[in-house]
Protein backbone atom coordinates (compact mmCIF):
# COMPACT_ATOMS: atom_id res chain seq x y z
CA UNK A 1 -54.89 93.92 34.88
CA UNK A 2 -56.00 92.94 31.46
CA UNK A 3 -55.53 89.26 30.79
CA UNK A 4 -53.36 88.64 27.67
CA UNK A 5 -54.40 85.52 25.88
CA UNK A 6 -51.88 82.92 25.30
CA UNK A 7 -51.68 81.64 21.71
CA UNK A 8 -53.66 78.09 21.05
CA UNK A 9 -51.91 75.21 19.93
CA UNK A 10 -53.31 75.78 16.46
CA UNK A 11 -51.99 79.31 16.39
CA UNK A 12 -48.72 78.02 17.86
CA UNK A 13 -48.22 75.24 15.29
CA UNK A 14 -49.29 77.38 12.28
CA UNK A 15 -46.61 79.83 13.31
CA UNK A 16 -43.97 76.94 13.46
CA UNK A 17 -45.03 76.08 9.82
CA UNK A 18 -44.49 79.42 8.57
CA UNK A 19 -41.08 79.46 10.28
CA UNK A 20 -40.40 75.86 8.94
CA UNK A 21 -42.05 75.15 5.73
CA UNK A 22 -41.49 71.49 5.95
CA UNK A 23 -42.70 70.71 9.46
CA UNK A 24 -42.32 67.37 11.03
CA UNK A 25 -44.27 65.75 13.98
CA UNK A 26 -41.24 65.47 16.04
CA UNK A 27 -40.79 69.31 15.79
CA UNK A 28 -44.00 69.78 17.71
CA UNK A 29 -42.92 67.19 20.33
CA UNK A 30 -39.62 69.08 21.03
CA UNK A 31 -41.88 72.02 21.94
CA UNK A 32 -44.14 70.13 23.95
CA UNK A 33 -47.19 70.75 21.33
CA UNK A 34 -49.42 68.01 20.84
CA UNK A 35 -48.96 66.25 17.65
CA UNK A 36 -52.72 65.56 17.32
CA UNK A 37 -53.09 69.20 16.49
CA UNK A 38 -51.48 68.39 12.83
CA UNK A 39 -54.43 66.05 12.19
CA UNK A 40 -56.90 68.81 13.21
CA UNK A 41 -55.33 71.50 10.85
CA UNK A 42 -55.14 69.08 7.83
CA UNK A 43 -58.93 68.48 8.33
CA UNK A 44 -59.49 72.23 8.61
CA UNK A 45 -57.79 72.78 5.55
CA UNK A 46 -55.04 74.81 7.03
CA UNK A 47 -52.05 72.23 6.68
CA UNK A 48 -51.37 69.60 4.09
CA UNK A 49 -49.64 66.06 4.73
CA UNK A 50 -46.78 66.06 2.30
CA UNK A 51 -45.40 62.70 3.30
CA UNK A 52 -45.44 60.49 6.56
CA UNK A 53 -44.89 62.51 9.43
CA UNK A 54 -44.06 65.59 7.35
CA UNK A 55 -46.76 68.51 6.84
CA UNK A 56 -46.66 72.27 5.17
CA UNK A 57 -48.99 75.19 4.82
CA UNK A 58 -51.89 74.29 2.39
CA UNK A 59 -51.09 76.07 -0.95
CA UNK A 60 -47.37 76.93 0.06
CA UNK A 61 -44.96 77.51 -3.01
CA UNK A 62 -42.70 74.50 -3.49
CA UNK A 63 -39.16 75.58 -4.04
CA UNK A 64 -36.97 73.93 -6.84
CA UNK A 65 -35.59 71.46 -4.52
CA UNK A 66 -38.34 70.58 -2.28
CA UNK A 67 -38.15 66.82 -2.94
CA UNK A 68 -34.63 66.67 -1.81
CA UNK A 69 -35.63 68.18 1.66
CA UNK A 70 -38.30 65.97 2.09
CA UNK A 71 -35.87 62.85 1.60
CA UNK A 72 -33.38 64.57 4.08
CA UNK A 73 -35.90 64.50 6.50
CA UNK A 74 -36.71 61.11 6.22
CA UNK A 75 -33.50 59.67 5.37
CA UNK A 76 -31.19 61.89 7.70
CA UNK A 77 -28.19 59.71 6.83
CA UNK A 78 -28.36 59.66 3.08
CA UNK A 79 -26.46 61.94 0.78
CA UNK A 80 -27.98 63.39 -2.45
CA UNK A 81 -25.81 62.11 -5.21
CA UNK A 82 -25.13 61.47 -8.82
CA UNK A 83 -28.23 62.92 -11.32
CA UNK A 84 -29.80 64.80 -8.20
CA UNK A 85 -26.55 66.38 -7.29
CA UNK A 86 -25.85 67.36 -10.91
CA UNK A 87 -29.17 69.17 -10.99
CA UNK A 88 -28.31 70.93 -7.57
CA UNK A 89 -24.98 72.31 -9.02
CA UNK A 90 -26.31 73.40 -12.56
CA UNK A 91 -24.37 70.54 -14.26
CA UNK A 92 -25.43 68.88 -17.50
CA UNK A 93 -29.00 68.65 -18.84
CA UNK A 94 -30.27 65.67 -16.47
CA UNK A 95 -33.52 66.07 -15.08
CA UNK A 96 -34.35 63.14 -12.83
CA UNK A 97 -37.67 62.30 -11.34
CA UNK A 98 -36.14 60.33 -8.71
CA UNK A 99 -34.17 61.52 -5.90
CA UNK A 100 -30.77 59.74 -6.23
CA UNK A 101 -29.48 58.93 -2.71
CA UNK A 102 -26.10 57.61 -1.37
CA UNK A 103 -26.47 55.27 1.79
CA UNK A 104 -23.95 53.14 3.69
CA UNK A 105 -23.54 49.52 2.67
CA UNK A 106 -25.58 48.06 5.63
CA UNK A 107 -28.13 50.68 5.88
CA UNK A 108 -31.82 49.52 5.08
CA UNK A 109 -33.29 50.80 1.81
CA UNK A 110 -35.49 53.31 2.62
CA UNK A 111 -39.10 52.73 1.65
CA UNK A 112 -40.53 55.97 0.67
CA UNK A 113 -43.96 56.35 -1.24
CA UNK A 114 -43.29 59.96 -2.41
CA UNK A 115 -40.85 61.18 -3.48
CA UNK A 116 -39.34 58.33 -5.49
CA UNK A 117 -35.89 57.64 -4.69
CA UNK A 118 -32.92 55.80 -6.37
CA UNK A 119 -30.17 54.27 -3.96
CA UNK A 120 -26.72 53.66 -4.39
CA UNK A 121 -24.23 51.94 -1.94
CA UNK A 122 -21.28 53.64 -0.65
CA UNK A 123 -18.63 53.44 2.16
CA UNK A 124 -15.94 54.91 3.82
CA UNK A 125 -14.40 58.13 2.51
CA UNK A 126 -16.52 57.74 -0.72
CA UNK A 127 -19.56 58.16 1.61
CA UNK A 128 -18.37 60.81 4.10
CA UNK A 129 -15.82 63.07 1.98
CA UNK A 130 -17.08 65.98 -0.24
CA UNK A 131 -20.69 66.74 1.49
CA UNK A 132 -21.70 70.12 1.27
CA UNK A 133 -24.90 71.56 3.16
CA UNK A 134 -27.75 72.64 0.89
CA UNK A 135 -30.58 74.93 3.01
CA UNK A 136 -33.99 73.76 1.24
CA UNK A 137 -37.18 75.10 3.05
CA UNK A 138 -35.40 75.15 6.49
CA UNK A 139 -33.87 71.86 6.02
CA UNK A 140 -30.39 71.13 6.03
CA UNK A 141 -29.94 68.73 2.92
CA UNK A 142 -26.37 66.78 2.68
CA UNK A 143 -25.36 66.73 -0.94
CA UNK A 144 -21.88 66.09 -2.55
CA UNK A 145 -19.83 68.50 -3.93
CA UNK A 146 -19.50 69.21 -7.58
CA UNK A 147 -16.23 67.54 -7.82
CA UNK A 148 -17.28 64.49 -5.87
CA UNK A 149 -20.46 64.31 -8.04
CA UNK A 150 -18.48 64.29 -11.26
CA UNK A 151 -16.04 61.33 -10.03
CA UNK A 152 -19.17 59.62 -8.79
CA UNK A 153 -20.67 59.69 -12.22
CA UNK A 154 -17.66 57.77 -13.71
CA UNK A 155 -17.71 55.30 -10.72
CA UNK A 156 -21.17 54.66 -11.46
CA UNK A 157 -21.06 54.96 -15.18
CA UNK A 158 -22.91 51.55 -15.53
CA UNK A 159 -26.03 52.88 -13.60
CA UNK A 160 -26.25 56.20 -15.46
CA UNK A 161 -24.23 55.87 -18.74
CA UNK A 162 -20.65 56.91 -19.75
CA UNK A 163 -22.19 59.80 -21.89
CA UNK A 164 -23.79 61.24 -18.78
CA UNK A 165 -20.40 61.26 -16.89
CA UNK A 166 -18.80 62.97 -19.88
CA UNK A 167 -21.33 65.66 -20.24
CA UNK A 168 -20.91 66.13 -16.49
CA UNK A 169 -17.01 66.50 -16.78
CA UNK A 170 -17.06 68.60 -19.54
CA UNK A 171 -19.73 71.04 -18.67
CA UNK A 172 -18.63 71.45 -14.99
CA UNK A 173 -15.18 72.02 -16.17
CA UNK A 174 -16.38 74.74 -18.63
CA UNK A 175 -18.32 76.37 -15.76
CA UNK A 176 -15.24 76.24 -13.42
CA UNK A 177 -17.12 73.95 -10.88
CA UNK A 178 -13.93 72.66 -9.64
CA UNK A 179 -10.11 72.59 -9.98
CA UNK A 180 -8.01 69.85 -11.59
CA UNK A 181 -6.76 68.99 -8.18
CA UNK A 182 -10.17 68.78 -6.46
CA UNK A 183 -11.46 66.41 -9.22
CA UNK A 184 -8.35 64.18 -8.99
CA UNK A 185 -8.59 63.86 -5.45
CA UNK A 186 -12.34 62.58 -5.55
CA UNK A 187 -11.10 60.28 -8.76
CA UNK A 188 -8.75 58.83 -6.19
CA UNK A 189 -11.20 58.30 -3.50
CA UNK A 190 -13.55 56.67 -5.80
CA UNK A 191 -10.93 54.61 -7.40
CA UNK A 192 -11.52 55.51 -10.75
CA UNK A 193 -8.61 57.73 -11.50
CA UNK A 194 -7.25 55.23 -14.16
CA UNK A 195 -10.62 55.54 -15.86
CA UNK A 196 -10.94 59.30 -15.66
CA UNK A 197 -7.15 60.02 -16.51
CA UNK A 198 -7.59 60.36 -20.32
CA UNK A 199 -10.83 62.40 -20.31
CA UNK A 200 -9.29 64.93 -17.43
CA UNK A 201 -6.32 65.07 -19.83
CA UNK A 202 -8.52 65.99 -22.57
CA UNK A 203 -10.54 68.74 -20.88
CA UNK A 204 -7.26 70.17 -19.30
CA UNK A 205 -5.73 70.86 -22.95
């Protein structure tokens, strides 16, 4: 009987990298593949190291939200928020060069070389309510909904500017990104209902 060759470790890792555009060392460990193979493939010019513990096929086209996926892999308990979430939802004109991330009050501040991140502290329902899931390069990225994001913009208006919050509200409302009930719910969650009330009344008329 003719012997059927089994794929080498290198072939198996490359096949995995094609299936998962962002590959982690832990992905290999779960499949009982030696992680040293990653270094060999980087040396051979077949993989590139994107960040610590994160790899991708060399020359692979990057998706629009690749930086969000990289952060989600390395800070799994964070939630994409504020300017980065506005970008995801196509709201306003902000083009942040940092990834804005919500983390718990007692969570350590992530130390990433790339991509750059900007963290804000949240707790309770403000951190857990309104999370949606965005699939980016095979990575499940948590991001706040459009309504939650706009409410957050008012809550953190001292960080991003009231003008940004107002633009986000008007643009999101014009694009029908949420209902008035939805935005009011998150205004209550964020405890900015009194701040937002006059602006909500102005867009609703």
